[in-house]
Amino acid sequence: MAKNNVATVRVRLVKGLRGVQQRHRLSVRALGLNKINDVRELKDSPQVRGLINKVGYLVSVEE
């Protein structure tokens, strides 16, 4: 029995990675984003929220 009521969050890369710290680039890759305007729907968890907070200036979040 799979739960379909899992909270998700949509993350979109809105800024390029040129001139960005290497750690922040790795965080963006960990979110599954590669190019500008890539969108991923991820499970809302503390780990994902931490990555989003780290690179908040590069991404937009849609709840």
PDB file of N, CA and C in Angstrom:
ATOM      1  N   MET A   1       0.840  -1.183   0.000  1.00  0.00           N
ATOM      2  CA  MET A   1       0.000   0.000   0.000  1.00  0.00           C
ATOM      3  C   MET A   1       0.881   1.241   0.000  1.00  0.00           C
ATOM      4  N   ALA A   2       0.883   1.951  -1.091  1.00  0.00           N
ATOM      5  CA  ALA A   2       1.697   3.154  -1.199  1.00  0.00           C
ATOM      6  C   ALA A   2       0.879   4.372  -0.787  1.00  0.00           C
ATOM      7  N   LYS A   3       1.549   5.282  -0.099  1.00  0.00           N
ATOM      8  CA  LYS A   3       0.889   6.527   0.301  1.00  0.00           C
ATOM      9  C   LYS A   3       1.000   7.537  -0.832  1.00  0.00           C
ATOM     10  N   ASN A   4      -0.113   8.126  -1.199  1.00  0.00           N
ATOM     11  CA  ASN A   4      -0.100   9.176  -2.216  1.00  0.00           C
ATOM     12  C   ASN A   4      -0.180  10.557  -1.583  1.00  0.00           C
ATOM     13  N   ASN A   5      -0.221  10.615  -0.254  1.00  0.00           N
ATOM     14  CA  ASN A   5      -0.350  11.889   0.439  1.00  0.00           C
ATOM     15  C   ASN A   5       1.004  12.438   0.881  1.00  0.00           C
ATOM     16  N   VAL A   6       2.069  12.063   0.195  1.00  0.00           N
ATOM     17  CA  VAL A   6       3.397  12.531   0.553  1.00  0.00           C
ATOM     18  C   VAL A   6       3.543  13.979   0.099  1.00  0.00           C
ATOM     19  N   ALA A   7       3.993  14.845   1.004  1.00  0.00           N
ATOM     20  CA  ALA A   7       4.187  16.249   0.668  1.00  0.00           C
ATOM     21  C   ALA A   7       5.365  16.381  -0.289  1.00  0.00           C
ATOM     22  N   THR A   8       5.162  17.163  -1.335  1.00  0.00           N
ATOM     23  CA  THR A   8       6.233  17.391  -2.304  1.00  0.00           C
ATOM     24  C   THR A   8       6.459  18.884  -2.467  1.00  0.00           C
ATOM     25  N   VAL A   9       7.594  19.185  -3.048  1.00  0.00           N
ATOM     26  CA  VAL A   9       7.972  20.562  -3.288  1.00  0.00           C
ATOM     27  C   VAL A   9       8.537  20.625  -4.704  1.00  0.00           C
ATOM     28  N   ARG A  10       8.160  21.647  -5.458  1.00  0.00           N
ATOM     29  CA  ARG A  10       8.694  21.828  -6.817  1.00  0.00           C
ATOM     30  C   ARG A  10       9.805  22.858  -6.758  1.00  0.00           C
ATOM     31  N   VAL A  11      10.950  22.500  -7.322  1.00  0.00           N
ATOM     32  CA  VAL A  11      12.120  23.368  -7.294  1.00  0.00           C
ATOM     33  C   VAL A  11      12.526  23.663  -8.733  1.00  0.00           C
ATOM     34  N   ARG A  12      12.746  24.938  -9.030  1.00  0.00           N
ATOM     35  CA  ARG A  12      13.146  25.364 -10.374  1.00  0.00           C
ATOM     36  C   ARG A  12      14.455  26.141 -10.282  1.00  0.00           C
ATOM     37  N   LEU A  13      15.423  25.793 -11.137  1.00  0.00           N
ATOM     38  CA  LEU A  13      16.686  26.522 -11.204  1.00  0.00           C
ATOM     39  C   LEU A  13      16.458  27.783 -12.026  1.00  0.00           C
ATOM     40  N   VAL A  14      16.623  28.952 -11.414  1.00  0.00           N
ATOM     41  CA  VAL A  14      16.308  30.204 -12.100  1.00  0.00           C
ATOM     42  C   VAL A  14      17.551  31.030 -12.423  1.00  0.00           C
ATOM     43  N   LYS A  15      18.704  30.628 -11.917  1.00  0.00           N
ATOM     44  CA  LYS A  15      19.925  31.389 -12.158  1.00  0.00           C
ATOM     45  C   LYS A  15      21.029  30.420 -12.542  1.00  0.00           C
ATOM     46  N   GLY A  16      21.914  30.850 -13.414  1.00  0.00           N
ATOM     47  CA  GLY A  16      23.009  30.010 -13.858  1.00  0.00           C
ATOM     48  C   GLY A  16      24.046  29.779 -12.773  1.00  0.00           C
ATOM     49  N   LEU A  17      24.900  28.793 -12.982  1.00  0.00           N
ATOM     50  CA  LEU A  17      25.871  28.399 -11.972  1.00  0.00           C
ATOM     51  C   LEU A  17      27.260  28.986 -12.202  1.00  0.00           C
ATOM     52  N   ARG A  18      27.390  29.834 -13.182  1.00  0.00           N
ATOM     53  CA  ARG A  18      28.685  30.432 -13.472  1.00  0.00           C
ATOM     54  C   ARG A  18      29.079  31.380 -12.338  1.00  0.00           C
ATOM     55  N   GLY A  19      30.279  31.208 -11.827  1.00  0.00           N
ATOM     56  CA  GLY A  19      30.772  32.065 -10.761  1.00  0.00           C
ATOM     57  C   GLY A  19      30.243  31.718  -9.380  1.00  0.00           C
ATOM     58  N   VAL A  20      29.651  30.540  -9.250  1.00  0.00           N
ATOM     59  CA  VAL A  20      29.066  30.106  -7.983  1.00  0.00           C
ATOM     60  C   VAL A  20      30.040  29.154  -7.298  1.00  0.00           C
ATOM     61  N   GLN A  21      30.033  29.153  -5.966  1.00  0.00           N
ATOM     62  CA  GLN A  21      30.911  28.263  -5.212  1.00  0.00           C
ATOM     63  C   GLN A  21      30.687  26.805  -5.608  1.00  0.00           C
ATOM     64  N   GLN A  22      31.751  26.029  -5.574  1.00  0.00           N
ATOM     65  CA  GLN A  22      31.672  24.619  -5.953  1.00  0.00           C
ATOM     66  C   GLN A  22      30.688  23.857  -5.069  1.00  0.00           C
ATOM     67  N   ARG A  23      30.653  24.154  -3.779  1.00  0.00           N
ATOM     68  CA  ARG A  23      29.728  23.464  -2.877  1.00  0.00           C
ATOM     69  C   ARG A  23      28.280  23.733  -3.261  1.00  0.00           C
ATOM     70  N   HIS A  24      28.002  24.946  -3.707  1.00  0.00           N
ATOM     71  CA  HIS A  24      26.645  25.280  -4.109  1.00  0.00           C
ATOM     72  C   HIS A  24      26.279  24.588  -5.415  1.00  0.00           C
ATOM     73  N   ARG A  25      27.233  24.452  -6.313  1.00  0.00           N
ATOM     74  CA  ARG A  25      26.990  23.704  -7.552  1.00  0.00           C
ATOM     75  C   ARG A  25      26.637  22.259  -7.232  1.00  0.00           C
ATOM     76  N   LEU A  26      27.357  21.675  -6.290  1.00  0.00           N
ATOM     77  CA  LEU A  26      27.087  20.291  -5.913  1.00  0.00           C
ATOM     78  C   LEU A  26      25.712  20.159  -5.262  1.00  0.00           C
ATOM     79  N   SER A  27      25.301  21.166  -4.504  1.00  0.00           N
ATOM     80  CA  SER A  27      23.972  21.136  -3.884  1.00  0.00           C
ATOM     81  C   SER A  27      22.885  21.193  -4.944  1.00  0.00           C
ATOM     82  N   VAL A  28      23.093  22.009  -5.967  1.00  0.00           N
ATOM     83  CA  VAL A  28      22.118  22.106  -7.057  1.00  0.00           C
ATOM     84  C   VAL A  28      22.036  20.771  -7.791  1.00  0.00           C
ATOM     85  N   ARG A  29      23.181  20.140  -8.026  1.00  0.00           N
ATOM     86  CA  ARG A  29      23.192  18.819  -8.680  1.00  0.00           C
ATOM     87  C   ARG A  29      22.494  17.777  -7.822  1.00  0.00           C
ATOM     88  N   ALA A  30      22.669  17.864  -6.498  1.00  0.00           N
ATOM     89  CA  ALA A  30      22.026  16.919  -5.589  1.00  0.00           C
ATOM     90  C   ALA A  30      20.503  17.060  -5.641  1.00  0.00           C
ATOM     91  N   LEU A  31      20.029  18.257  -5.954  1.00  0.00           N
ATOM     92  CA  LEU A  31      18.592  18.470  -6.112  1.00  0.00           C
ATOM     93  C   LEU A  31      18.093  17.950  -7.461  1.00  0.00           C
ATOM     94  N   GLY A  32      19.009  17.568  -8.346  1.00  0.00           N
ATOM     95  CA  GLY A  32      18.627  17.022  -9.646  1.00  0.00           C
ATOM     96  C   GLY A  32      18.450  18.073 -10.715  1.00  0.00           C
ATOM     97  N   LEU A  33      18.998  19.254 -10.498  1.00  0.00           N
ATOM     98  CA  LEU A  33      18.858  20.352 -11.457  1.00  0.00           C
ATOM     99  C   LEU A  33      20.152  20.510 -12.243  1.00  0.00           C
ATOM    100  N   ASN A  34      20.030  20.638 -13.565  1.00  0.00           N
ATOM    101  CA  ASN A  34      21.213  20.749 -14.415  1.00  0.00           C
ATOM    102  C   ASN A  34      21.269  22.070 -15.162  1.00  0.00           C
ATOM    103  N   LYS A  35      20.181  22.454 -15.794  1.00  0.00           N
ATOM    104  CA  LYS A  35      20.154  23.660 -16.623  1.00  0.00           C
ATOM    105  C   LYS A  35      19.150  24.659 -16.066  1.00  0.00           C
ATOM    106  N   ILE A  36      19.253  25.885 -16.507  1.00  0.00           N
ATOM    107  CA  ILE A  36      18.297  26.914 -16.106  1.00  0.00           C
ATOM    108  C   ILE A  36      16.902  26.481 -16.538  1.00  0.00           C
ATOM    109  N   ASN A  37      15.935  26.702 -15.685  1.00  0.00           N
ATOM    110  CA  ASN A  37      14.519  26.358 -15.861  1.00  0.00           C
ATOM    111  C   ASN A  37      14.231  24.871 -15.716  1.00  0.00           C
ATOM    112  N   ASP A  38      15.204  24.075 -15.281  1.00  0.00           N
ATOM    113  CA  ASP A  38      14.906  22.687 -14.924  1.00  0.00           C
ATOM    114  C   ASP A  38      14.009  22.679 -13.701  1.00  0.00           C
ATOM    115  N   VAL A  39      13.037  21.781 -13.686  1.00  0.00           N
ATOM    116  CA  VAL A  39      12.105  21.663 -12.567  1.00  0.00           C
ATOM    117  C   VAL A  39      12.129  20.226 -12.071  1.00  0.00           C
ATOM    118  N   ARG A  40      12.177  20.065 -10.755  1.00  0.00           N
ATOM    119  CA  ARG A  40      12.091  18.744 -10.138  1.00  0.00           C
ATOM    120  C   ARG A  40      11.053  18.796  -9.034  1.00  0.00           C
ATOM    121  N   GLU A  41      10.303  17.732  -8.917  1.00  0.00           N
ATOM    122  CA  GLU A  41       9.351  17.599  -7.828  1.00  0.00           C
ATOM    123  C   GLU A  41       9.955  16.618  -6.836  1.00  0.00           C
ATOM    124  N   LEU A  42      10.278  17.116  -5.656  1.00  0.00           N
ATOM    125  CA  LEU A  42      10.992  16.334  -4.658  1.00  0.00           C
ATOM    126  C   LEU A  42      10.148  16.152  -3.414  1.00  0.00           C
ATOM    127  N   LYS A  43      10.425  15.074  -2.687  1.00  0.00           N
ATOM    128  CA  LYS A  43       9.754  14.836  -1.422  1.00  0.00           C
ATOM    129  C   LYS A  43      10.189  15.909  -0.426  1.00  0.00           C
ATOM    130  N   ASP A  44       9.232  16.459   0.290  1.00  0.00           N
ATOM    131  CA  ASP A  44       9.525  17.514   1.258  1.00  0.00           C
ATOM    132  C   ASP A  44      10.099  16.882   2.516  1.00  0.00           C
ATOM    133  N   SER A  45      11.415  17.022   2.681  1.00  0.00           N
ATOM    134  CA  SER A  45      12.098  16.445   3.837  1.00  0.00           C
ATOM    135  C   SER A  45      13.106  17.461   4.365  1.00  0.00           C
ATOM    136  N   PRO A  46      13.578  17.279   5.583  1.00  0.00           N
ATOM    137  CA  PRO A  46      14.578  18.213   6.126  1.00  0.00           C
ATOM    138  C   PRO A  46      15.852  18.277   5.281  1.00  0.00           C
ATOM    139  N   GLN A  47      16.248  17.159   4.687  1.00  0.00           N
ATOM    140  CA  GLN A  47      17.455  17.156   3.871  1.00  0.00           C
ATOM    141  C   GLN A  47      17.275  18.012   2.625  1.00  0.00           C
ATOM    142  N   VAL A  48      16.136  17.868   1.968  1.00  0.00           N
ATOM    143  CA  VAL A  48      15.857  18.653   0.761  1.00  0.00           C
ATOM    144  C   VAL A  48      15.730  20.122   1.126  1.00  0.00           C
ATOM    145  N   ARG A  49      15.059  20.424   2.238  1.00  0.00           N
ATOM    146  CA  ARG A  49      14.915  21.814   2.680  1.00  0.00           C
ATOM    147  C   ARG A  49      16.273  22.444   2.973  1.00  0.00           C
ATOM    148  N   GLY A  50      17.189  21.664   3.530  1.00  0.00           N
ATOM    149  CA  GLY A  50      18.526  22.177   3.805  1.00  0.00           C
ATOM    150  C   GLY A  50      19.267  22.540   2.533  1.00  0.00           C
ATOM    151  N   LEU A  51      19.155  21.689   1.515  1.00  0.00           N
ATOM    152  CA  LEU A  51      19.794  21.992   0.232  1.00  0.00           C
ATOM    153  C   LEU A  51      19.177  23.228  -0.397  1.00  0.00           C
ATOM    154  N   ILE A  52      17.853  23.347  -0.309  1.00  0.00           N
ATOM    155  CA  ILE A  52      17.170  24.511  -0.877  1.00  0.00           C
ATOM    156  C   ILE A  52      17.600  25.779  -0.156  1.00  0.00           C
ATOM    157  N   ASN A  53      17.722  25.719   1.161  1.00  0.00           N
ATOM    158  CA  ASN A  53      18.150  26.901   1.918  1.00  0.00           C
ATOM    159  C   ASN A  53      19.564  27.321   1.556  1.00  0.00           C
ATOM    160  N   LYS A  54      20.422  26.364   1.275  1.00  0.00           N
ATOM    161  CA  LYS A  54      21.808  26.671   0.940  1.00  0.00           C
ATOM    162  C   LYS A  54      21.900  27.408  -0.395  1.00  0.00           C
ATOM    163  N   VAL A  55      21.071  27.022  -1.366  1.00  0.00           N
ATOM    164  CA  VAL A  55      21.145  27.620  -2.708  1.00  0.00           C
ATOM    165  C   VAL A  55      19.863  28.384  -3.028  1.00  0.00           C
ATOM    166  N   GLY A  56      19.273  28.981  -2.037  1.00  0.00           N
ATOM    167  CA  GLY A  56      18.012  29.693  -2.216  1.00  0.00           C
ATOM    168  C   GLY A  56      18.090  30.838  -3.207  1.00  0.00           C
ATOM    169  N   TYR A  57      19.272  31.402  -3.384  1.00  0.00           N
ATOM    170  CA  TYR A  57      19.436  32.506  -4.328  1.00  0.00           C
ATOM    171  C   TYR A  57      19.515  32.027  -5.777  1.00  0.00           C
ATOM    172  N   LEU A  58      19.584  30.709  -5.990  1.00  0.00           N
ATOM    173  CA  LEU A  58      19.658  30.154  -7.328  1.00  0.00           C
ATOM    174  C   LEU A  58      18.356  29.484  -7.777  1.00  0.00           C
ATOM    175  N   VAL A  59      17.488  29.164  -6.827  1.00  0.00           N
ATOM    176  CA  VAL A  59      16.288  28.385  -7.136  1.00  0.00           C
ATOM    177  C   VAL A  59      15.039  29.118  -6.670  1.00  0.00           C
ATOM    178  N   SER A  60      13.906  28.716  -7.265  1.00  0.00           N
ATOM    179  CA  SER A  60      12.602  29.167  -6.763  1.00  0.00           C
ATOM    180  C   SER A  60      11.838  27.930  -6.343  1.00  0.00           C
ATOM    181  N   VAL A  61      11.009  28.080  -5.308  1.00  0.00           N
ATOM    182  CA  VAL A  61      10.309  26.950  -4.717  1.00  0.00           C
ATOM    183  C   VAL A  61       8.822  27.172  -4.846  1.00  0.00           C
ATOM    184  N   GLU A  62       8.115  26.146  -5.318  1.00  0.00           N
ATOM    185  CA  GLU A  62       6.668  26.167  -5.405  1.00  0.00           C
ATOM    186  C   GLU A  62       6.151  25.034  -4.523  1.00  0.00           C
ATOM    187  N   GLU A  63       5.390  25.372  -3.520  1.00  0.00           N
ATOM    188  CA  GLU A  63       4.916  24.370  -2.556  1.00  0.00           C
ATOM    189  C   GLU A  63       3.833  23.504  -3.152  1.00  0.00           C
TER     190      GLU A  63
END
